[in-house]
């Protein structure tokens, strides 16, 4: 890894090591705030990108790791999470819950655990890529590893 990683990426890298994750942080030449941008730089299918989306579920953060090929059905994840109201979180809510900027939210490295749903469609890919805490960073992982390191719940999200 380069010596001058963003502090949020350093926290993610440390969390990955502590959790025994296999992948190393990769710094992308360009920002990758979307799954399509990340896939283009990595040379993989957009569906192999694990988008990290933070929702406000009855006032509590809910992280949905979804295949980049999907759009999240908010009503479905509300039922899955047992929440009365789920809505897309504001940038301020995301930063408070994760300590990371929108477009680079990693599945780990947050100030406190965040309830997580992991899109079952990610299991279709041998390797998936998740954000590394900053829009310029990602790391390789697997569906099973995402479930393990996040303590997440497998879920259909679309």
C-alpha atoms as a PDB file:
ATOM      1  CA  UNK A   1       0.000   0.000   0.000  1.00  0.00           C
ATOM      2  CA  UNK A   2       1.177   3.546  -0.641  1.00  0.00           C
ATOM      3  CA  UNK A   3       2.462   5.397   2.392  1.00  0.00           C
ATOM      4  CA  UNK A   4       0.006   8.293   2.153  1.00  0.00           C
ATOM      5  CA  UNK A   5      -3.425   6.672   2.320  1.00  0.00           C
ATOM      6  CA  UNK A   6      -6.357   8.782   3.426  1.00  0.00           C
ATOM      7  CA  UNK A   7      -7.016   8.329   7.190  1.00  0.00           C
ATOM      8  CA  UNK A   8     -10.377   6.665   6.526  1.00  0.00           C
ATOM      9  CA  UNK A   9      -8.670   4.125   4.274  1.00  0.00           C
ATOM     10  CA  UNK A  10      -6.017   3.461   6.922  1.00  0.00           C
ATOM     11  CA  UNK A  11      -8.819   2.657   9.408  1.00  0.00           C
ATOM     12  CA  UNK A  12     -10.430   0.304   6.879  1.00  0.00           C
ATOM     13  CA  UNK A  13      -7.106  -1.453   6.171  1.00  0.00           C
ATOM     14  CA  UNK A  14      -6.554  -1.919   9.911  1.00  0.00           C
ATOM     15  CA  UNK A  15     -10.080  -3.288  10.355  1.00  0.00           C
ATOM     16  CA  UNK A  16      -9.572  -5.716   7.460  1.00  0.00           C
ATOM     17  CA  UNK A  17      -6.350  -7.003   9.055  1.00  0.00           C
ATOM     18  CA  UNK A  18      -8.003  -7.345  12.478  1.00  0.00           C
ATOM     19  CA  UNK A  19     -10.911  -9.257  10.923  1.00  0.00           C
ATOM     20  CA  UNK A  20      -8.586 -11.607   9.036  1.00  0.00           C
ATOM     21  CA  UNK A  21      -9.786 -10.475   5.610  1.00  0.00           C
ATOM     22  CA  UNK A  22      -7.668 -11.608   2.687  1.00  0.00           C
ATOM     23  CA  UNK A  23      -7.750  -8.594   0.385  1.00  0.00           C
ATOM     24  CA  UNK A  24      -5.439  -5.596   0.345  1.00  0.00           C
ATOM     25  CA  UNK A  25      -6.499  -2.029  -0.352  1.00  0.00           C
ATOM     26  CA  UNK A  26      -6.085  -1.003  -3.999  1.00  0.00           C
ATOM     27  CA  UNK A  27      -5.726   2.671  -4.876  1.00  0.00           C
ATOM     28  CA  UNK A  28      -7.505   3.521  -8.106  1.00  0.00           C
ATOM     29  CA  UNK A  29      -6.093   6.123 -10.495  1.00  0.00           C
ATOM     30  CA  UNK A  30      -9.438   7.933 -10.617  1.00  0.00           C
ATOM     31  CA  UNK A  31     -12.277   8.419  -8.158  1.00  0.00           C
ATOM     32  CA  UNK A  32     -14.868   5.638  -8.306  1.00  0.00           C
ATOM     33  CA  UNK A  33     -18.014   7.007  -6.658  1.00  0.00           C
ATOM     34  CA  UNK A  34     -20.229   4.599  -8.638  1.00  0.00           C
ATOM     35  CA  UNK A  35     -20.181   0.884  -9.339  1.00  0.00           C
ATOM     36  CA  UNK A  36     -19.814   1.552 -13.063  1.00  0.00           C
ATOM     37  CA  UNK A  37     -16.762   3.762 -12.483  1.00  0.00           C
ATOM     38  CA  UNK A  38     -15.139   1.170 -10.229  1.00  0.00           C
ATOM     39  CA  UNK A  39     -15.884  -1.708 -12.635  1.00  0.00           C
ATOM     40  CA  UNK A  40     -14.431   0.219 -15.566  1.00  0.00           C
ATOM     41  CA  UNK A  41     -11.161   0.804 -13.699  1.00  0.00           C
ATOM     42  CA  UNK A  42     -10.956  -2.752 -12.349  1.00  0.00           C
ATOM     43  CA  UNK A  43     -11.949  -4.467 -15.596  1.00  0.00           C
ATOM     44  CA  UNK A  44     -14.747  -6.470 -13.986  1.00  0.00           C
ATOM     45  CA  UNK A  45     -18.510  -6.770 -14.330  1.00  0.00           C
ATOM     46  CA  UNK A  46     -20.500  -4.020 -12.622  1.00  0.00           C
ATOM     47  CA  UNK A  47     -22.361  -6.780 -10.735  1.00  0.00           C
ATOM     48  CA  UNK A  48     -19.100  -7.737  -8.980  1.00  0.00           C
ATOM     49  CA  UNK A  49     -18.944  -4.333  -7.291  1.00  0.00           C
ATOM     50  CA  UNK A  50     -20.376  -4.358  -3.762  1.00  0.00           C
ATOM     51  CA  UNK A  51     -22.019  -0.943  -3.491  1.00  0.00           C
ATOM     52  CA  UNK A  52     -22.155   0.299   0.099  1.00  0.00           C
ATOM     53  CA  UNK A  53     -25.400   2.175   0.608  1.00  0.00           C
ATOM     54  CA  UNK A  54     -26.328   3.666   3.962  1.00  0.00           C
ATOM     55  CA  UNK A  55     -29.992   4.075   4.794  1.00  0.00           C
ATOM     56  CA  UNK A  56     -31.731   5.713   7.723  1.00  0.00           C
ATOM     57  CA  UNK A  57     -33.893   2.921   9.175  1.00  0.00           C
ATOM     58  CA  UNK A  58     -36.085   4.423  11.876  1.00  0.00           C
ATOM     59  CA  UNK A  59     -33.202   6.725  12.800  1.00  0.00           C
ATOM     60  CA  UNK A  60     -30.525   3.999  12.899  1.00  0.00           C
ATOM     61  CA  UNK A  61     -27.966   3.368  10.154  1.00  0.00           C
ATOM     62  CA  UNK A  62     -28.511   0.361   7.912  1.00  0.00           C
ATOM     63  CA  UNK A  63     -25.742  -0.614   5.500  1.00  0.00           C
ATOM     64  CA  UNK A  64     -26.844  -2.439   2.370  1.00  0.00           C
ATOM     65  CA  UNK A  65     -24.035  -4.063   0.384  1.00  0.00           C
ATOM     66  CA  UNK A  66     -25.653  -4.531  -2.993  1.00  0.00           C
ATOM     67  CA  UNK A  67     -24.457  -5.763  -6.341  1.00  0.00           C
ATOM     68  CA  UNK A  68     -23.593  -2.807  -8.554  1.00  0.00           C
ATOM     69  CA  UNK A  69     -26.055  -4.236 -11.068  1.00  0.00           C
ATOM     70  CA  UNK A  70     -28.988  -3.721  -8.679  1.00  0.00           C
ATOM     71  CA  UNK A  71     -31.169  -0.910  -7.437  1.00  0.00           C
ATOM     72  CA  UNK A  72     -32.272  -1.362  -3.843  1.00  0.00           C
ATOM     73  CA  UNK A  73     -35.995  -1.810  -3.201  1.00  0.00           C
ATOM     74  CA  UNK A  74     -36.410   0.363  -0.105  1.00  0.00           C
ATOM     75  CA  UNK A  75     -39.739  -1.224   0.865  1.00  0.00           C
ATOM     76  CA  UNK A  76     -38.212  -4.698   0.635  1.00  0.00           C
ATOM     77  CA  UNK A  77     -35.231  -3.816   2.830  1.00  0.00           C
ATOM     78  CA  UNK A  78     -37.557  -2.077   5.309  1.00  0.00           C
ATOM     79  CA  UNK A  79     -39.524  -5.333   5.662  1.00  0.00           C
ATOM     80  CA  UNK A  80     -36.298  -7.348   5.867  1.00  0.00           C
ATOM     81  CA  UNK A  81     -34.889  -5.023   8.530  1.00  0.00           C
ATOM     82  CA  UNK A  82     -38.179  -4.795  10.413  1.00  0.00           C
ATOM     83  CA  UNK A  83     -38.161  -1.001  10.104  1.00  0.00           C
ATOM     84  CA  UNK A  84     -41.251   1.199   9.809  1.00  0.00           C
ATOM     85  CA  UNK A  85     -39.464   3.777   7.670  1.00  0.00           C
ATOM     86  CA  UNK A  86     -36.297   3.430   5.587  1.00  0.00           C
ATOM     87  CA  UNK A  87     -34.922   6.260   3.489  1.00  0.00           C
ATOM     88  CA  UNK A  88     -31.653   7.142   1.802  1.00  0.00           C
ATOM     89  CA  UNK A  89     -29.350   8.752   4.357  1.00  0.00           C
ATOM     90  CA  UNK A  90     -28.008  12.283   4.049  1.00  0.00           C
ATOM     91  CA  UNK A  91     -24.257  12.769   3.573  1.00  0.00           C
ATOM     92  CA  UNK A  92     -24.064  14.014   7.183  1.00  0.00           C
ATOM     93  CA  UNK A  93     -25.856  10.902   8.477  1.00  0.00           C
ATOM     94  CA  UNK A  94     -23.508   8.665   6.442  1.00  0.00           C
ATOM     95  CA  UNK A  95     -20.405  10.435   7.765  1.00  0.00           C
ATOM     96  CA  UNK A  96     -21.677  10.256  11.367  1.00  0.00           C
ATOM     97  CA  UNK A  97     -22.494   6.533  11.093  1.00  0.00           C
ATOM     98  CA  UNK A  98     -19.408   5.404   9.179  1.00  0.00           C
ATOM     99  CA  UNK A  99     -16.767   8.110   9.515  1.00  0.00           C
ATOM    100  CA  UNK A 100     -16.400   7.801   5.721  1.00  0.00           C
ATOM    101  CA  UNK A 101     -17.514   9.870   2.718  1.00  0.00           C
ATOM    102  CA  UNK A 102     -20.309   8.906   0.343  1.00  0.00           C
ATOM    103  CA  UNK A 103     -18.790   7.217  -2.706  1.00  0.00           C
ATOM    104  CA  UNK A 104     -16.187   5.433  -0.628  1.00  0.00           C
ATOM    105  CA  UNK A 105     -18.036   3.843   2.298  1.00  0.00           C
ATOM    106  CA  UNK A 106     -16.386   0.563   3.198  1.00  0.00           C
ATOM    107  CA  UNK A 107     -18.233  -2.360   4.776  1.00  0.00           C
ATOM    108  CA  UNK A 108     -15.934  -2.110   7.843  1.00  0.00           C
ATOM    109  CA  UNK A 109     -13.891   0.449   9.752  1.00  0.00           C
ATOM    110  CA  UNK A 110     -16.835   2.362  11.211  1.00  0.00           C
ATOM    111  CA  UNK A 111     -16.807   4.034  14.651  1.00  0.00           C
ATOM    112  CA  UNK A 112     -19.444   1.523  15.846  1.00  0.00           C
ATOM    113  CA  UNK A 113     -20.966  -1.602  14.282  1.00  0.00           C
ATOM    114  CA  UNK A 114     -23.586  -0.881  11.602  1.00  0.00           C
ATOM    115  CA  UNK A 115     -26.378  -3.362  10.915  1.00  0.00           C
ATOM    116  CA  UNK A 116     -25.660  -4.787   7.449  1.00  0.00           C
ATOM    117  CA  UNK A 117     -27.609  -6.578   4.731  1.00  0.00           C
ATOM    118  CA  UNK A 118     -25.546  -8.310   2.022  1.00  0.00           C
ATOM    119  CA  UNK A 119     -27.147  -8.783  -1.404  1.00  0.00           C
ATOM    120  CA  UNK A 120     -27.375 -12.501  -2.195  1.00  0.00           C
ATOM    121  CA  UNK A 121     -26.571 -11.719  -5.853  1.00  0.00           C
ATOM    122  CA  UNK A 122     -22.976 -10.984  -4.860  1.00  0.00           C
ATOM    123  CA  UNK A 123     -22.581 -14.748  -4.299  1.00  0.00           C
ATOM    124  CA  UNK A 124     -22.674 -15.190  -8.086  1.00  0.00           C
ATOM    125  CA  UNK A 125     -19.194 -13.695  -8.341  1.00  0.00           C
ATOM    126  CA  UNK A 126     -16.048 -15.515  -7.251  1.00  0.00           C
ATOM    127  CA  UNK A 127     -14.488 -12.178  -6.343  1.00  0.00           C
ATOM    128  CA  UNK A 128     -16.232  -8.937  -5.487  1.00  0.00           C
ATOM    129  CA  UNK A 129     -14.826  -5.483  -4.898  1.00  0.00           C
ATOM    130  CA  UNK A 130     -15.854  -3.231  -2.026  1.00  0.00           C
ATOM    131  CA  UNK A 131     -15.005   0.391  -1.257  1.00  0.00           C
ATOM    132  CA  UNK A 132     -11.984   1.038   0.920  1.00  0.00           C
ATOM    133  CA  UNK A 133     -13.142   4.080   2.887  1.00  0.00           C
ATOM    134  CA  UNK A 134     -12.479   6.684   0.191  1.00  0.00           C
ATOM    135  CA  UNK A 135     -13.693   7.116  -3.427  1.00  0.00           C
ATOM    136  CA  UNK A 136     -10.199   6.235  -4.722  1.00  0.00           C
ATOM    137  CA  UNK A 137      -9.840   2.930  -2.844  1.00  0.00           C
ATOM    138  CA  UNK A 138     -11.308  -0.579  -3.060  1.00  0.00           C
ATOM    139  CA  UNK A 139     -10.414  -4.061  -1.890  1.00  0.00           C
ATOM    140  CA  UNK A 140     -11.106  -7.552  -3.242  1.00  0.00           C
ATOM    141  CA  UNK A 141     -13.215  -9.901  -1.169  1.00  0.00           C
ATOM    142  CA  UNK A 142     -15.863 -12.593  -1.489  1.00  0.00           C
ATOM    143  CA  UNK A 143     -19.551 -12.772  -0.654  1.00  0.00           C
ATOM    144  CA  UNK A 144     -18.835 -15.172   2.206  1.00  0.00           C
ATOM    145  CA  UNK A 145     -16.093 -12.934   3.569  1.00  0.00           C
ATOM    146  CA  UNK A 146     -18.397  -9.885   3.430  1.00  0.00           C
ATOM    147  CA  UNK A 147     -20.971 -11.753   5.496  1.00  0.00           C
ATOM    148  CA  UNK A 148     -18.288 -12.757   8.001  1.00  0.00           C
ATOM    149  CA  UNK A 149     -16.452  -9.456   8.419  1.00  0.00           C
ATOM    150  CA  UNK A 150     -19.623  -7.363   8.653  1.00  0.00           C
ATOM    151  CA  UNK A 151     -21.690  -9.786  10.717  1.00  0.00           C
ATOM    152  CA  UNK A 152     -24.210  -9.107   7.956  1.00  0.00           C
ATOM    153  CA  UNK A 153     -27.381 -10.866   6.976  1.00  0.00           C
ATOM    154  CA  UNK A 154     -27.822 -12.381   3.523  1.00  0.00           C
ATOM    155  CA  UNK A 155     -30.779 -10.676   1.838  1.00  0.00           C
ATOM    156  CA  UNK A 156     -32.534 -10.121  -1.443  1.00  0.00           C
ATOM    157  CA  UNK A 157     -32.477  -6.355  -1.917  1.00  0.00           C
ATOM    158  CA  UNK A 158     -34.071  -5.913  -5.361  1.00  0.00           C
END
